[in-house]
């Protein structure tokens, strides 16, 4: 059994979903996504948590150009596969109380996007990685532009230009590495062992890849596409972007950027950490000022991703482990928050925080779920958000004590603006708008119940998740550190 089954099942599912009509479409999409999740669970049960690449497939694609369909799974990839395949069924479930025009195309695009992201998270060939990178971008472009808000065309074009431009820099870097390869191959292991060895040239490779990954995360100051896109995209599109797609950039840094250009990383890590910390403070301050709940969550995401980036570039084993855990936690929490605001806006036709209040009195189940997700987001101990943030802050602390003070503001500021938002929306007296708010039921209760359970379980017992990536992370850190030693 190879990883190709995981990659191609969503493609086949997307084509099959196109054949369904009306209400049957979402049921078919959900069934296919659950089947993919079950398949991922089988891979996980057979996965050995060491540093090796498992379930690998290497098949000729364009062999004359040294291009192969080469993919596999290690502990780092496995975390991303779990993130993708757990969230996609939940995201599809969040759409159950919505009606979409051309629903078969809408759900097919979600499944195509899932396939593209799985290619990114498993690719061991640079050309295949780039194809998956762009393949994940095309479906979300159409999802946002066809089913988004009033300003969807302008916002989506800006998003596309940003991300596609960054991708071109990465493509130049990949081609450059291919031309330097003695065997003319796009293989990742060749890039990391016989690629650019000169520090000056590694610096150029570093920036070529970094620009693509920084835009996708997004990292300050490459973030300006994000708040508008998250706001204008349909709820499911926002969840796909924030929950999974932005992790492509973080994963790219870990899997490709640092191993390929360790000397460039060593030279510029301080600049990136400073940018990440600026993003943490900036995102938190702007979140304070937001009156639209969805935009508030969007800016909070910038702060959280900034901390992940800072922890990675602090370059410790704990920092990388924290990044892996936090990618999973952030994906779960941010999908929960965007779903909360989707429920509010679909019932009350507004996302303005100041227009709400007292919802907890008429919807106690909704209030409890909202509170648990908020507590996970602000990293309360014994929730999933605390584990990753603690490990990331430890990494930044080891790099620079002063920077960790600023980076730690994400926990303080986040607690203030998130709890203030919760108080304004849920507490106090009901008004004419919120008095008729209906409590969650059906698919809403199921999605929020699963998310709340994950927030608590991961916070109380994180070890199984950390164990999955531990060996792969240790091996990566040791390999890169050895290259640092060779320069000294």
Protein backbone atom coordinates (compact mmCIF):
# COMPACT_ATOMS: atom_id res chain seq x y z
CA UNK A 1 0.00 0.00 0.00
CA UNK A 2 1.49 3.34 -1.08
CA UNK A 3 0.65 6.96 -0.49
CA UNK A 4 -0.68 7.26 -4.05
CA UNK A 5 -3.98 5.79 -2.81
CA UNK A 6 -4.36 8.68 -0.35
CA UNK A 7 -3.60 11.22 -3.06
CA UNK A 8 -5.82 9.89 -5.83
CA UNK A 9 -8.91 8.94 -3.83
CA UNK A 10 -9.96 12.63 -3.42
CA UNK A 11 -9.43 13.16 -7.17
CA UNK A 12 -11.67 10.19 -8.01
CA UNK A 13 -14.14 11.38 -5.36
CA UNK A 14 -14.25 14.86 -6.87
CA UNK A 15 -15.02 13.47 -10.32
CA UNK A 16 -17.70 11.21 -8.86
CA UNK A 17 -19.32 14.09 -6.94
CA UNK A 18 -19.80 15.95 -10.22
CA UNK A 19 -22.29 13.24 -11.22
CA UNK A 20 -24.58 13.90 -8.26
CA UNK A 21 -27.40 16.44 -8.21
CA UNK A 22 -29.26 18.49 -5.60
CA UNK A 23 -29.16 17.38 -1.95
CA UNK A 24 -27.37 14.12 -2.67
CA UNK A 25 -24.19 16.02 -3.54
CA UNK A 26 -23.21 16.99 -0.01
CA UNK A 27 -23.96 13.49 1.28
CA UNK A 28 -21.73 11.99 -1.40
CA UNK A 29 -18.93 14.48 -0.67
CA UNK A 30 -19.14 13.71 3.04
CA UNK A 31 -19.09 9.96 2.41
CA UNK A 32 -16.02 10.22 0.20
CA UNK A 33 -14.20 12.46 2.71
CA UNK A 34 -14.98 10.05 5.55
CA UNK A 35 -13.64 7.20 3.41
CA UNK A 36 -10.43 9.21 2.95
CA UNK A 37 -10.25 9.73 6.71
CA UNK A 38 -10.69 6.00 7.29
CA UNK A 39 -7.90 5.34 4.79
CA UNK A 40 -5.66 7.81 6.63
CA UNK A 41 -6.45 5.96 9.88
CA UNK A 42 -5.28 2.70 8.25
CA UNK A 43 -2.02 4.37 7.20
CA UNK A 44 -1.60 5.70 10.74
CA UNK A 45 -2.16 2.24 12.24
CA UNK A 46 0.60 0.83 10.02
CA UNK A 47 2.94 3.78 10.46
CA UNK A 48 6.16 3.19 12.39
CA UNK A 49 7.08 6.44 14.20
CA UNK A 50 10.74 6.52 13.19
CA UNK A 51 12.64 8.86 10.87
CA UNK A 52 12.19 6.77 7.72
CA UNK A 53 10.05 7.51 4.67
CA UNK A 54 7.21 4.99 4.52
CA UNK A 55 4.49 4.00 2.03
CA UNK A 56 6.70 5.51 -0.69
CA UNK A 57 5.89 5.51 -4.38
CA UNK A 58 8.41 6.32 -7.12
CA UNK A 59 7.03 6.15 -10.66
CA UNK A 60 8.42 7.65 -13.89
CA UNK A 61 6.48 10.76 -14.92
CA UNK A 62 8.73 12.70 -17.32
CA UNK A 63 11.91 10.67 -16.87
CA UNK A 64 13.80 12.48 -19.65
CA UNK A 65 13.65 15.61 -17.49
CA UNK A 66 14.34 13.74 -14.25
CA UNK A 67 10.73 14.16 -13.07
CA UNK A 68 9.19 11.32 -11.06
CA UNK A 69 5.96 10.85 -9.17
CA UNK A 70 7.84 10.44 -5.91
CA UNK A 71 5.96 10.69 -2.62
CA UNK A 72 6.09 9.20 0.86
CA UNK A 73 5.22 9.71 4.51
CA UNK A 74 7.32 10.33 7.58
CA UNK A 75 6.28 11.65 10.99
CA UNK A 76 6.14 15.26 9.80
CA UNK A 77 3.99 14.37 6.78
CA UNK A 78 1.73 12.16 8.88
CA UNK A 79 0.69 15.07 11.11
CA UNK A 80 -0.29 17.09 8.02
CA UNK A 81 -2.19 14.16 6.53
CA UNK A 82 -4.16 13.81 9.75
CA UNK A 83 -4.86 17.55 9.82
CA UNK A 84 -6.15 17.53 6.23
CA UNK A 85 -8.23 14.40 6.43
CA UNK A 86 -9.79 15.21 9.82
CA UNK A 87 -10.76 18.75 8.85
CA UNK A 88 -12.19 18.15 5.36
CA UNK A 89 -15.14 16.00 6.56
CA UNK A 90 -15.82 18.55 9.33
CA UNK A 91 -15.74 21.41 6.83
CA UNK A 92 -18.14 19.59 4.54
CA UNK A 93 -20.43 18.97 7.52
CA UNK A 94 -20.46 22.71 8.29
CA UNK A 95 -22.11 23.32 4.91
CA UNK A 96 -25.09 21.05 5.58
CA UNK A 97 -27.45 23.89 6.44
CA UNK A 98 -26.42 25.96 3.41
CA UNK A 99 -27.65 25.70 -0.13
CA UNK A 100 -25.14 26.32 -2.91
CA UNK A 101 -25.80 26.95 -6.56
CA UNK A 102 -23.99 24.27 -8.61
CA UNK A 103 -23.35 22.34 -5.40
CA UNK A 104 -21.67 19.46 -7.24
CA UNK A 105 -18.97 21.82 -8.55
CA UNK A 106 -18.56 23.39 -5.09
CA UNK A 107 -17.94 20.08 -3.33
CA UNK A 108 -15.82 18.72 -6.18
CA UNK A 109 -13.52 21.73 -5.84
CA UNK A 110 -13.13 21.09 -2.11
CA UNK A 111 -12.08 17.50 -2.82
CA UNK A 112 -9.72 18.55 -5.63
CA UNK A 113 -8.16 21.02 -3.21
CA UNK A 114 -7.76 18.25 -0.65
CA UNK A 115 -5.86 16.17 -3.22
CA UNK A 116 -3.56 19.09 -4.08
CA UNK A 117 -2.71 19.67 -0.44
CA UNK A 118 -1.99 15.99 0.13
CA UNK A 119 0.44 16.11 -2.80
CA UNK A 120 2.23 19.03 -1.13
CA UNK A 121 2.41 17.21 2.21
CA UNK A 122 3.84 14.00 0.75
CA UNK A 123 5.87 15.04 -2.33
CA UNK A 124 9.54 14.06 -2.43
CA UNK A 125 10.10 15.48 -5.93
CA UNK A 126 10.42 19.24 -6.40
CA UNK A 127 8.38 19.34 -9.59
CA UNK A 128 5.60 17.25 -8.02
CA UNK A 129 5.64 19.55 -4.99
CA UNK A 130 5.19 22.59 -7.23
CA UNK A 131 2.35 20.93 -9.14
CA UNK A 132 0.56 20.13 -5.88
CA UNK A 133 1.19 23.68 -4.65
CA UNK A 134 -0.54 25.18 -7.70
CA UNK A 135 -3.19 22.44 -7.85
CA UNK A 136 -4.37 23.43 -4.37
CA UNK A 137 -4.54 27.11 -5.37
CA UNK A 138 -6.81 26.74 -8.41
CA UNK A 139 -9.85 25.20 -6.61
CA UNK A 140 -9.83 27.79 -3.81
CA UNK A 141 -9.67 30.57 -6.40
CA UNK A 142 -12.93 29.34 -7.94
CA UNK A 143 -14.54 28.63 -4.55
CA UNK A 144 -13.89 32.22 -3.45
CA UNK A 145 -14.73 33.91 -6.75
CA UNK A 146 -17.96 31.98 -7.45
CA UNK A 147 -19.45 31.58 -3.96
CA UNK A 148 -17.84 34.46 -2.03
CA UNK A 149 -19.15 37.80 -0.80
CA UNK A 150 -19.94 41.08 -2.56
CA UNK A 151 -16.29 42.06 -3.14
CA UNK A 152 -15.20 38.53 -3.98
CA UNK A 153 -13.76 39.21 -7.47
CA UNK A 154 -11.45 42.06 -6.43
CA UNK A 155 -10.32 40.26 -3.27
CA UNK A 156 -9.81 36.90 -4.97
CA UNK A 157 -7.74 38.41 -7.78
CA UNK A 158 -5.50 40.06 -5.18
CA UNK A 159 -5.15 36.72 -3.36
CA UNK A 160 -4.35 34.90 -6.60
CA UNK A 161 -1.73 37.46 -7.71
CA UNK A 162 -0.02 37.36 -4.31
CA UNK A 163 0.17 33.59 -4.06
CA UNK A 164 0.93 32.92 -7.72
CA UNK A 165 3.73 35.50 -7.74
CA UNK A 166 5.30 33.85 -4.71
CA UNK A 167 4.99 30.48 -6.42
CA UNK A 168 6.98 31.74 -9.41
CA UNK A 169 9.91 32.62 -7.15
CA UNK A 170 9.78 29.09 -5.78
CA UNK A 171 9.66 27.64 -9.30
CA UNK A 172 12.79 29.60 -10.21
CA UNK A 173 14.48 28.18 -7.10
CA UNK A 174 13.44 24.63 -7.99
CA UNK A 175 14.71 24.95 -11.57
CA UNK A 176 17.97 26.46 -10.30
CA UNK A 177 18.50 23.49 -7.98
CA UNK A 178 17.68 21.10 -10.84
CA UNK A 179 20.30 22.72 -13.08
CA UNK A 180 22.92 22.43 -10.33
CA UNK A 181 22.10 18.78 -9.67
CA UNK A 182 24.78 16.51 -11.21
CA UNK A 183 22.18 13.87 -12.09
CA UNK A 184 19.61 16.46 -13.30
CA UNK A 185 16.87 15.44 -10.91
CA UNK A 186 14.16 17.16 -8.87
CA UNK A 187 14.53 14.68 -6.01
CA UNK A 188 14.43 16.25 -2.53
CA UNK A 189 17.26 14.11 -1.18
CA UNK A 190 19.46 15.21 -4.10
CA UNK A 191 18.60 18.84 -3.41
CA UNK A 192 19.63 18.47 0.23
CA UNK A 193 22.82 16.44 -0.29
CA UNK A 194 24.33 17.51 -3.63
CA UNK A 195 22.57 20.82 -4.20
CA UNK A 196 23.93 24.30 -3.52
CA UNK A 197 26.85 24.11 -1.11
CA UNK A 198 28.04 27.70 -1.34
CA UNK A 199 26.61 30.01 1.34
CA UNK A 200 26.18 32.91 -1.09
CA UNK A 201 24.08 30.87 -3.51
CA UNK A 202 22.13 29.25 -0.70
CA UNK A 203 21.07 32.76 0.34
CA UNK A 204 19.40 33.27 -3.04
CA UNK A 205 17.71 29.87 -2.84
CA UNK A 206 16.51 30.71 0.67
CA UNK A 207 14.71 33.87 -0.48
CA UNK A 208 13.26 32.21 -3.58
CA UNK A 209 11.53 29.60 -1.43
CA UNK A 210 10.88 31.86 1.54
CA UNK A 211 8.82 34.38 -0.43
CA UNK A 212 6.43 31.65 -1.61
CA UNK A 213 6.07 30.16 1.86
CA UNK A 214 5.83 33.51 3.69
CA UNK A 215 2.98 34.66 1.43
CA UNK A 216 1.07 31.43 1.91
CA UNK A 217 1.34 31.45 5.74
CA UNK A 218 0.99 34.54 5.63
CA UNK A 219 3.87 36.16 7.49
CA UNK A 220 4.17 39.91 8.08
CA UNK A 221 4.49 41.96 5.79
CA UNK A 222 3.17 39.50 3.18
CA UNK A 223 -0.18 39.16 4.94
CA UNK A 224 -2.31 41.89 3.34
CA UNK A 225 -4.29 39.48 1.14
CA UNK A 226 -5.43 37.41 4.11
CA UNK A 227 -8.06 39.38 6.11
CA UNK A 228 -10.07 40.41 3.03
CA UNK A 229 -9.90 36.93 1.50
CA UNK A 230 -10.97 35.23 4.73
CA UNK A 231 -13.85 37.70 5.09
CA UNK A 232 -15.15 37.49 1.52
CA UNK A 233 -14.69 33.75 0.99
CA UNK A 234 -17.63 31.45 1.72
CA UNK A 235 -17.36 29.91 5.19
CA UNK A 236 -16.13 26.55 3.89
CA UNK A 237 -13.51 28.29 1.73
CA UNK A 238 -12.29 30.31 4.71
CA UNK A 239 -11.98 27.12 6.75
CA UNK A 240 -10.02 25.37 4.00
CA UNK A 241 -7.68 28.36 3.71
CA UNK A 242 -7.12 28.96 7.41
CA UNK A 243 -7.37 25.41 8.70
CA UNK A 244 -5.22 23.63 6.14
CA UNK A 245 -3.89 25.69 3.24
CA UNK A 246 -1.81 28.18 5.23
CA UNK A 247 -0.04 25.17 6.79
CA UNK A 248 1.41 24.45 3.34
CA UNK A 249 3.72 27.42 3.82
CA UNK A 250 4.82 26.33 7.29
CA UNK A 251 5.33 22.76 6.10
CA UNK A 252 7.33 24.02 3.12
CA UNK A 253 9.72 25.83 5.45
CA UNK A 254 10.28 22.68 7.50
CA UNK A 255 10.44 20.13 4.70
CA UNK A 256 12.07 22.09 1.86
CA UNK A 257 13.49 25.50 2.77
CA UNK A 258 15.64 24.72 5.82
CA UNK A 259 17.08 21.33 4.67
CA UNK A 260 17.87 22.68 1.17
CA UNK A 261 19.38 26.02 2.21
CA UNK A 262 20.63 25.58 5.79
CA UNK A 263 23.35 28.20 5.40
CA UNK A 264 20.85 30.71 4.03
CA UNK A 265 18.59 29.84 6.94
CA UNK A 266 21.45 30.29 9.38
CA UNK A 267 22.22 33.71 7.88
CA UNK A 268 18.69 35.11 7.83
CA UNK A 269 16.89 33.38 10.69
CA UNK A 270 17.16 36.49 12.87
CA UNK A 271 15.38 38.64 10.26
CA UNK A 272 12.56 36.13 9.94
CA UNK A 273 12.08 35.83 13.70
CA UNK A 274 11.83 39.62 13.99
CA UNK A 275 9.25 39.71 11.17
CA UNK A 276 7.32 36.91 12.87
CA UNK A 277 7.29 38.73 16.21
CA UNK A 278 6.18 41.96 14.52
CA UNK A 279 3.36 39.95 12.95
CA UNK A 280 2.35 38.59 16.36
CA UNK A 281 2.08 42.05 17.90
CA UNK A 282 0.57 43.64 14.78
CA UNK A 283 -2.07 40.92 14.31
CA UNK A 284 -3.05 41.10 17.98
CA UNK A 285 -3.35 44.92 18.02
CA UNK A 286 -5.43 45.01 14.83
CA UNK A 287 -7.65 42.22 16.18
CA UNK A 288 -8.45 44.49 19.14
CA UNK A 289 -9.99 47.07 16.79
CA UNK A 290 -12.17 44.72 14.73
CA UNK A 291 -15.94 44.94 14.97
CA UNK A 292 -16.54 42.16 12.43
CA UNK A 293 -16.15 38.80 14.19
CA UNK A 294 -14.81 37.02 11.12
CA UNK A 295 -12.11 39.66 10.54
CA UNK A 296 -11.15 39.48 14.21
CA UNK A 297 -10.49 35.75 13.86
CA UNK A 298 -8.56 36.41 10.63
CA UNK A 299 -6.18 38.84 12.34
CA UNK A 300 -5.78 36.54 15.33
CA UNK A 301 -4.66 33.86 12.87
CA UNK A 302 -1.83 36.15 11.70
CA UNK A 303 -0.62 36.38 15.31
CA UNK A 304 -0.76 32.61 15.86
CA UNK A 305 1.05 31.82 12.61
CA UNK A 306 3.69 34.40 13.51
CA UNK A 307 4.41 32.49 16.70
CA UNK A 308 4.70 29.20 14.80
CA UNK A 309 7.21 30.80 12.39
CA UNK A 310 9.21 32.32 15.25
CA UNK A 311 9.35 28.96 17.04
CA UNK A 312 10.57 27.18 13.90
CA UNK A 313 13.30 29.73 13.14
CA UNK A 314 14.42 29.58 16.78
CA UNK A 315 15.57 26.13 15.58
CA UNK A 316 15.24 23.75 18.48
CA UNK A 317 13.77 20.28 18.59
CA UNK A 318 11.11 21.53 20.99
CA UNK A 319 10.29 24.42 18.68
CA UNK A 320 9.75 22.12 15.69
CA UNK A 321 7.69 19.71 17.74
CA UNK A 322 5.66 22.66 19.00
CA UNK A 323 5.13 23.82 15.42
CA UNK A 324 3.86 20.41 14.37
CA UNK A 325 1.47 20.22 17.31
CA UNK A 326 0.35 23.83 16.93
CA UNK A 327 -0.41 23.42 13.22
CA UNK A 328 -2.83 20.67 14.15
CA UNK A 329 -4.29 22.62 17.08
CA UNK A 330 -4.60 25.90 15.18
CA UNK A 331 -6.33 24.15 12.28
CA UNK A 332 -8.93 22.63 14.61
CA UNK A 333 -9.49 25.82 16.62
CA UNK A 334 -9.69 28.24 13.70
CA UNK A 335 -12.18 26.02 11.84
CA UNK A 336 -14.28 26.00 15.02
CA UNK A 337 -14.16 29.80 15.34
CA UNK A 338 -15.06 30.43 11.70
CA UNK A 339 -17.91 27.93 12.00
CA UNK A 340 -19.16 29.78 15.10
CA UNK A 341 -19.32 33.00 13.11
CA UNK A 342 -20.91 31.23 10.16
CA UNK A 343 -23.71 30.04 12.47
CA UNK A 344 -24.18 33.54 13.91
CA UNK A 345 -24.18 35.29 10.52
CA UNK A 346 -26.52 32.74 8.90
CA UNK A 347 -29.04 33.08 11.75
CA UNK A 348 -28.83 36.82 12.40
CA UNK A 349 -27.45 38.13 9.10
CA UNK A 350 -24.69 40.08 10.85
CA UNK A 351 -21.15 39.58 12.11
CA UNK A 352 -20.95 42.90 13.97
CA UNK A 353 -19.87 42.13 17.54
CA UNK A 354 -21.49 45.27 18.97
CA UNK A 355 -24.91 44.33 17.58
CA UNK A 356 -25.01 41.06 19.51
CA UNK A 357 -25.34 40.02 23.14
CA UNK A 358 -27.08 37.58 25.46
CA UNK A 359 -26.94 34.60 23.09
CA UNK A 360 -25.85 32.32 25.95
CA UNK A 361 -29.28 32.78 27.56
CA UNK A 362 -31.15 31.40 24.56
CA UNK A 363 -28.50 28.97 23.22
CA UNK A 364 -26.61 27.34 26.12
CA UNK A 365 -25.15 24.46 24.06
CA UNK A 366 -23.80 26.93 21.52
CA UNK A 367 -22.36 29.06 24.34
CA UNK A 368 -20.49 26.11 25.89
CA UNK A 369 -19.00 25.04 22.55
CA UNK A 370 -17.99 28.62 21.75
CA UNK A 371 -16.30 29.01 25.14
CA UNK A 372 -14.31 25.75 24.86
CA UNK A 373 -13.00 26.74 21.42
CA UNK A 374 -12.11 30.23 22.63
CA UNK A 375 -10.23 28.77 25.60
CA UNK A 376 -8.28 26.48 23.28
CA UNK A 377 -7.46 29.46 21.05
CA UNK A 378 -6.13 31.55 23.96
CA UNK A 379 -3.98 28.60 25.11
CA UNK A 380 -5.56 27.86 28.45
CA UNK A 381 -3.64 25.02 30.18
CA UNK A 382 -5.19 21.59 29.52
CA UNK A 383 -6.42 22.72 26.09
CA UNK A 384 -4.75 21.92 22.77
CA UNK A 385 -3.55 25.51 22.22
CA UNK A 386 -1.40 25.54 25.35
CA UNK A 387 0.89 22.64 24.43
CA UNK A 388 2.12 24.01 21.12
CA UNK A 389 2.40 27.63 22.25
CA UNK A 390 4.43 26.67 25.32
CA UNK A 391 6.90 24.70 23.20
CA UNK A 392 7.16 27.46 20.59
CA UNK A 393 7.78 30.15 23.23
CA UNK A 394 10.47 27.93 24.74
CA UNK A 395 12.20 27.86 21.34
CA UNK A 396 12.05 31.65 20.97
CA UNK A 397 13.28 32.04 24.56
CA UNK A 398 16.37 29.97 23.80
CA UNK A 399 17.05 32.21 20.80
CA UNK A 400 16.49 35.60 22.45
CA UNK A 401 14.97 36.49 25.82
CA UNK A 402 13.77 39.94 24.73
CA UNK A 403 11.99 38.58 21.66
CA UNK A 404 10.11 36.01 23.70
CA UNK A 405 8.54 38.81 25.77
CA UNK A 406 7.02 40.27 22.59
CA UNK A 407 6.16 36.83 21.19
CA UNK A 408 4.41 35.91 24.43
CA UNK A 409 2.04 38.81 23.91
CA UNK A 410 0.04 36.55 21.59
CA UNK A 411 -1.21 34.68 24.68
CA UNK A 412 -1.96 37.84 26.69
CA UNK A 413 -3.48 39.90 23.88
CA UNK A 414 -5.31 36.87 22.52
CA UNK A 415 -6.95 36.19 25.86
CA UNK A 416 -8.09 39.83 26.11
CA UNK A 417 -9.63 40.28 22.66
CA UNK A 418 -11.06 36.77 22.42
CA UNK A 419 -12.70 36.83 25.85
CA UNK A 420 -13.93 40.37 25.25
CA UNK A 421 -15.49 39.19 21.98
CA UNK A 422 -17.11 36.26 23.77
CA UNK A 423 -18.48 38.53 26.48
CA UNK A 424 -20.02 40.97 24.00
CA UNK A 425 -21.56 38.24 21.87
CA UNK A 426 -22.71 35.73 24.48
CA UNK A 427 -23.16 37.54 27.79
CA UNK A 428 -25.46 40.36 28.94
CA UNK A 429 -29.07 40.82 27.95
CA UNK A 430 -30.58 39.66 24.70
CA UNK A 431 -31.84 42.27 22.25
CA UNK A 432 -34.44 42.22 19.51
CA UNK A 433 -31.94 40.54 17.19
CA UNK A 434 -30.51 37.85 19.48
CA UNK A 435 -33.66 36.94 21.43
CA UNK A 436 -34.75 34.58 18.64
CA UNK A 437 -31.35 32.90 18.21
CA UNK A 438 -31.86 29.12 17.92
CA UNK A 439 -29.49 26.74 19.68
CA UNK A 440 -27.31 24.37 17.69
CA UNK A 441 -28.70 21.09 16.42
CA UNK A 442 -27.98 18.30 13.97
CA UNK A 443 -24.78 18.71 11.96
CA UNK A 444 -23.86 21.88 13.89
CA UNK A 445 -23.90 20.01 17.19
CA UNK A 446 -21.87 17.15 15.69
CA UNK A 447 -19.14 19.40 14.25
CA UNK A 448 -18.77 21.55 17.35
CA UNK A 449 -18.91 18.47 19.59
CA UNK A 450 -16.02 16.84 17.70
CA UNK A 451 -13.97 20.04 17.73
CA UNK A 452 -14.54 20.59 21.47
CA UNK A 453 -13.57 16.99 22.19
CA UNK A 454 -10.33 17.41 20.23
CA UNK A 455 -9.53 20.67 22.05
CA UNK A 456 -9.81 18.92 25.41
CA UNK A 457 -8.32 15.51 24.55
CA UNK A 458 -5.26 16.97 22.79
CA UNK A 459 -4.71 19.34 25.71
CA UNK A 460 -4.91 16.64 28.36
CA UNK A 461 -2.99 13.91 26.51
CA UNK A 462 -0.76 15.30 23.71
CA UNK A 463 1.85 12.55 23.81
CA UNK A 464 0.46 10.30 21.02
CA UNK A 465 0.57 13.20 18.55
CA UNK A 466 4.01 14.35 19.65
CA UNK A 467 5.28 10.77 19.35
CA UNK A 468 4.27 10.58 15.69
CA UNK A 469 6.64 13.35 14.61
CA UNK A 470 9.33 13.06 17.29
CA UNK A 471 11.83 10.84 15.46
CA UNK A 472 11.46 12.68 12.13
CA UNK A 473 11.92 16.06 13.84
CA UNK A 474 14.99 14.86 15.78
CA UNK A 475 16.53 13.52 12.58
CA UNK A 476 15.84 16.74 10.68
CA UNK A 477 17.33 18.95 13.41
CA UNK A 478 20.43 16.77 13.68
CA UNK A 479 20.93 16.68 9.90
CA UNK A 480 20.67 20.44 9.54
CA UNK A 481 22.82 21.07 12.63
CA UNK A 482 25.56 18.92 11.11
CA UNK A 483 25.59 21.23 8.11
CA UNK A 484 25.93 24.21 10.43
CA UNK A 485 28.93 22.54 12.10
CA UNK A 486 30.63 21.99 8.74
CA UNK A 487 30.70 25.73 8.11
CA UNK A 488 32.24 26.67 11.46
